[in-house]
């Protein structure tokens, strides 16, 4: 099983995990690490390191809320480890994809599939709906 760590600003990661578990059920090997307003990048790095300690040497997918933010900049150092992948743009679609596919494929394939699920999940609905209704 591939472990999943959701790294975010504020409590977004915890909320995503709780919400995803409403759909896919309780999950093991999943945690959130949140950057809080009062934390420094160094303190956040220590917190991330502590959260990843239990997964040391195991395949781990880190889902990041935002490319270029402090959580991403701190976590990206982990991709130097051979068993860690990082994907930015965490949302419900990416987390659910990761949770439901993590037992079916290797880590690198999971990271690619999760990134693709994220790309496909962002839609501007009005043009789609207008096109669908004009065809009827």
C-alpha atoms as a PDB file:
ATOM      1  CA  UNK A   1       0.000   0.000   0.000  1.00  0.00           C
ATOM      2  CA  UNK A   2       1.240   3.469  -0.872  1.00  0.00           C
ATOM      3  CA  UNK A   3       1.033   6.003   1.949  1.00  0.00           C
ATOM      4  CA  UNK A   4      -0.537   9.394   1.271  1.00  0.00           C
ATOM      5  CA  UNK A   5       0.328  12.672   2.968  1.00  0.00           C
ATOM      6  CA  UNK A   6      -1.757  15.758   2.199  1.00  0.00           C
ATOM      7  CA  UNK A   7       0.326  18.886   2.772  1.00  0.00           C
ATOM      8  CA  UNK A   8      -1.498  22.195   2.831  1.00  0.00           C
ATOM      9  CA  UNK A   9      -1.935  25.718   4.067  1.00  0.00           C
ATOM     10  CA  UNK A  10      -4.257  25.745   7.065  1.00  0.00           C
ATOM     11  CA  UNK A  11      -6.490  22.765   7.722  1.00  0.00           C
ATOM     12  CA  UNK A  12      -7.317  22.008   4.100  1.00  0.00           C
ATOM     13  CA  UNK A  13      -5.555  18.631   4.223  1.00  0.00           C
ATOM     14  CA  UNK A  14      -7.497  17.423   7.252  1.00  0.00           C
ATOM     15  CA  UNK A  15     -10.773  18.551   5.689  1.00  0.00           C
ATOM     16  CA  UNK A  16      -9.985  16.820   2.392  1.00  0.00           C
ATOM     17  CA  UNK A  17      -9.173  13.562   4.161  1.00  0.00           C
ATOM     18  CA  UNK A  18     -12.350  13.656   6.290  1.00  0.00           C
ATOM     19  CA  UNK A  19     -14.447  14.470   3.223  1.00  0.00           C
ATOM     20  CA  UNK A  20     -12.840  11.763   1.075  1.00  0.00           C
ATOM     21  CA  UNK A  21     -13.420   9.204   3.814  1.00  0.00           C
ATOM     22  CA  UNK A  22     -17.142  10.018   3.621  1.00  0.00           C
ATOM     23  CA  UNK A  23     -16.986   8.606   0.088  1.00  0.00           C
ATOM     24  CA  UNK A  24     -14.370   5.826   0.264  1.00  0.00           C
ATOM     25  CA  UNK A  25     -14.503   4.937   3.954  1.00  0.00           C
ATOM     26  CA  UNK A  26     -11.837   5.081   6.673  1.00  0.00           C
ATOM     27  CA  UNK A  27      -8.276   4.861   5.414  1.00  0.00           C
ATOM     28  CA  UNK A  28      -4.953   3.766   6.852  1.00  0.00           C
ATOM     29  CA  UNK A  29      -1.609   5.199   5.858  1.00  0.00           C
ATOM     30  CA  UNK A  30      -3.018   8.677   5.286  1.00  0.00           C
ATOM     31  CA  UNK A  31      -2.184  11.851   7.140  1.00  0.00           C
ATOM     32  CA  UNK A  32      -2.332  15.585   6.793  1.00  0.00           C
ATOM     33  CA  UNK A  33       0.375  18.099   7.590  1.00  0.00           C
ATOM     34  CA  UNK A  34      -0.814  21.684   7.868  1.00  0.00           C
ATOM     35  CA  UNK A  35       1.140  24.922   7.722  1.00  0.00           C
ATOM     36  CA  UNK A  36      -0.435  27.193  10.323  1.00  0.00           C
ATOM     37  CA  UNK A  37      -0.132  31.002  10.239  1.00  0.00           C
ATOM     38  CA  UNK A  38       2.194  31.172  13.227  1.00  0.00           C
ATOM     39  CA  UNK A  39       4.662  28.582  11.888  1.00  0.00           C
ATOM     40  CA  UNK A  40       7.964  29.312  10.222  1.00  0.00           C
ATOM     41  CA  UNK A  41       9.094  27.307   7.201  1.00  0.00           C
ATOM     42  CA  UNK A  42      11.704  25.644   9.418  1.00  0.00           C
ATOM     43  CA  UNK A  43       9.136  24.675  12.056  1.00  0.00           C
ATOM     44  CA  UNK A  44       6.830  23.383   9.349  1.00  0.00           C
ATOM     45  CA  UNK A  45       9.711  21.353   7.911  1.00  0.00           C
ATOM     46  CA  UNK A  46      10.254  19.743  11.308  1.00  0.00           C
ATOM     47  CA  UNK A  47       6.544  18.923  11.543  1.00  0.00           C
ATOM     48  CA  UNK A  48       6.528  17.392   8.056  1.00  0.00           C
ATOM     49  CA  UNK A  49       9.622  15.362   8.872  1.00  0.00           C
ATOM     50  CA  UNK A  50       7.979  14.015  12.048  1.00  0.00           C
ATOM     51  CA  UNK A  51       4.807  13.088  10.139  1.00  0.00           C
ATOM     52  CA  UNK A  52       6.802  11.219   7.506  1.00  0.00           C
ATOM     53  CA  UNK A  53       8.915   9.351  10.056  1.00  0.00           C
ATOM     54  CA  UNK A  54       6.466   6.424  10.299  1.00  0.00           C
ATOM     55  CA  UNK A  55       6.580   6.050   6.502  1.00  0.00           C
ATOM     56  CA  UNK A  56      10.384   6.097   6.252  1.00  0.00           C
ATOM     57  CA  UNK A  57      11.531   3.749   3.487  1.00  0.00           C
ATOM     58  CA  UNK A  58       7.951   3.138   2.272  1.00  0.00           C
ATOM     59  CA  UNK A  59       6.336   4.375  -0.933  1.00  0.00           C
ATOM     60  CA  UNK A  60       4.680   7.690  -0.163  1.00  0.00           C
ATOM     61  CA  UNK A  61       2.688  10.092  -2.315  1.00  0.00           C
ATOM     62  CA  UNK A  62       2.668  13.672  -1.082  1.00  0.00           C
ATOM     63  CA  UNK A  63      -0.318  15.693  -2.319  1.00  0.00           C
ATOM     64  CA  UNK A  64       0.353  19.427  -2.119  1.00  0.00           C
ATOM     65  CA  UNK A  65      -2.282  22.128  -2.175  1.00  0.00           C
ATOM     66  CA  UNK A  66      -0.413  24.763  -4.188  1.00  0.00           C
ATOM     67  CA  UNK A  67       2.679  24.804  -6.366  1.00  0.00           C
ATOM     68  CA  UNK A  68       5.242  27.306  -5.108  1.00  0.00           C
ATOM     69  CA  UNK A  69       3.786  27.860  -1.641  1.00  0.00           C
ATOM     70  CA  UNK A  70       5.702  27.213   1.559  1.00  0.00           C
ATOM     71  CA  UNK A  71       4.245  23.705   2.041  1.00  0.00           C
ATOM     72  CA  UNK A  72       5.336  22.796  -1.489  1.00  0.00           C
ATOM     73  CA  UNK A  73       8.753  24.406  -1.176  1.00  0.00           C
ATOM     74  CA  UNK A  74       9.437  22.500   2.044  1.00  0.00           C
ATOM     75  CA  UNK A  75       7.993  19.159   0.880  1.00  0.00           C
ATOM     76  CA  UNK A  76       9.604  19.153  -2.556  1.00  0.00           C
ATOM     77  CA  UNK A  77      12.938  18.287  -0.948  1.00  0.00           C
ATOM     78  CA  UNK A  78      11.455  14.851  -0.306  1.00  0.00           C
ATOM     79  CA  UNK A  79      11.375  13.943  -4.015  1.00  0.00           C
ATOM     80  CA  UNK A  80      15.097  13.325  -3.786  1.00  0.00           C
ATOM     81  CA  UNK A  81      14.167  10.145  -1.938  1.00  0.00           C
ATOM     82  CA  UNK A  82      13.564   7.230  -4.325  1.00  0.00           C
ATOM     83  CA  UNK A  83      10.247   6.205  -2.756  1.00  0.00           C
ATOM     84  CA  UNK A  84       8.532   9.622  -2.650  1.00  0.00           C
ATOM     85  CA  UNK A  85       6.488  11.424  -5.305  1.00  0.00           C
ATOM     86  CA  UNK A  86       4.877  14.874  -5.006  1.00  0.00           C
ATOM     87  CA  UNK A  87       1.800  16.075  -6.898  1.00  0.00           C
ATOM     88  CA  UNK A  88       0.467  19.631  -6.591  1.00  0.00           C
ATOM     89  CA  UNK A  89      -3.121  20.816  -6.897  1.00  0.00           C
ATOM     90  CA  UNK A  90      -4.622  18.565  -4.239  1.00  0.00           C
ATOM     91  CA  UNK A  91      -8.418  18.425  -4.345  1.00  0.00           C
ATOM     92  CA  UNK A  92     -11.133  15.844  -3.705  1.00  0.00           C
ATOM     93  CA  UNK A  93     -10.655  14.260  -7.126  1.00  0.00           C
ATOM     94  CA  UNK A  94      -6.916  13.801  -6.691  1.00  0.00           C
ATOM     95  CA  UNK A  95      -7.231  12.456  -3.164  1.00  0.00           C
ATOM     96  CA  UNK A  96     -10.003  10.012  -4.048  1.00  0.00           C
ATOM     97  CA  UNK A  97      -8.026   8.842  -7.080  1.00  0.00           C
ATOM     98  CA  UNK A  98      -4.977   8.296  -4.884  1.00  0.00           C
ATOM     99  CA  UNK A  99      -6.940   6.446  -2.217  1.00  0.00           C
ATOM    100  CA  UNK A 100      -8.747   4.155  -4.637  1.00  0.00           C
ATOM    101  CA  UNK A 101      -5.745   3.404  -6.863  1.00  0.00           C
ATOM    102  CA  UNK A 102      -2.849   3.167  -4.419  1.00  0.00           C
ATOM    103  CA  UNK A 103      -3.035  -0.630  -4.147  1.00  0.00           C
ATOM    104  CA  UNK A 104      -3.227  -1.177  -7.911  1.00  0.00           C
ATOM    105  CA  UNK A 105      -0.028   0.349  -9.296  1.00  0.00           C
ATOM    106  CA  UNK A 106       3.507   1.454  -8.512  1.00  0.00           C
ATOM    107  CA  UNK A 107       4.156   4.873  -6.981  1.00  0.00           C
ATOM    108  CA  UNK A 108       5.343   6.606 -10.159  1.00  0.00           C
ATOM    109  CA  UNK A 109       2.248   5.465 -12.075  1.00  0.00           C
ATOM    110  CA  UNK A 110       0.014   6.533  -9.203  1.00  0.00           C
ATOM    111  CA  UNK A 111       1.546  10.012  -9.211  1.00  0.00           C
ATOM    112  CA  UNK A 112       0.920  10.343 -12.957  1.00  0.00           C
ATOM    113  CA  UNK A 113      -2.652   9.061 -12.655  1.00  0.00           C
ATOM    114  CA  UNK A 114      -3.429  11.381  -9.752  1.00  0.00           C
ATOM    115  CA  UNK A 115      -2.062  14.383 -11.672  1.00  0.00           C
ATOM    116  CA  UNK A 116      -4.233  13.452 -14.661  1.00  0.00           C
ATOM    117  CA  UNK A 117      -7.298  13.080 -12.419  1.00  0.00           C
ATOM    118  CA  UNK A 118      -6.639  16.580 -11.133  1.00  0.00           C
ATOM    119  CA  UNK A 119      -6.420  18.007 -14.654  1.00  0.00           C
ATOM    120  CA  UNK A 120      -9.663  16.308 -15.657  1.00  0.00           C
ATOM    121  CA  UNK A 121     -11.508  17.426 -12.517  1.00  0.00           C
ATOM    122  CA  UNK A 122     -11.235  21.137 -13.180  1.00  0.00           C
ATOM    123  CA  UNK A 123     -14.030  22.143 -15.557  1.00  0.00           C
ATOM    124  CA  UNK A 124     -15.868  25.283 -16.550  1.00  0.00           C
ATOM    125  CA  UNK A 125     -19.397  23.888 -16.492  1.00  0.00           C
ATOM    126  CA  UNK A 126     -21.314  26.617 -18.282  1.00  0.00           C
ATOM    127  CA  UNK A 127     -19.812  26.000 -21.738  1.00  0.00           C
ATOM    128  CA  UNK A 128     -20.295  22.242 -21.276  1.00  0.00           C
ATOM    129  CA  UNK A 129     -23.910  22.625 -20.234  1.00  0.00           C
ATOM    130  CA  UNK A 130     -24.670  25.163 -22.954  1.00  0.00           C
ATOM    131  CA  UNK A 131     -23.167  22.865 -25.580  1.00  0.00           C
ATOM    132  CA  UNK A 132     -25.183  19.911 -24.247  1.00  0.00           C
ATOM    133  CA  UNK A 133     -28.466  21.822 -24.215  1.00  0.00           C
ATOM    134  CA  UNK A 134     -27.902  23.286 -27.711  1.00  0.00           C
ATOM    135  CA  UNK A 135     -27.473  19.782 -29.104  1.00  0.00           C
ATOM    136  CA  UNK A 136     -30.915  18.715 -27.850  1.00  0.00           C
END
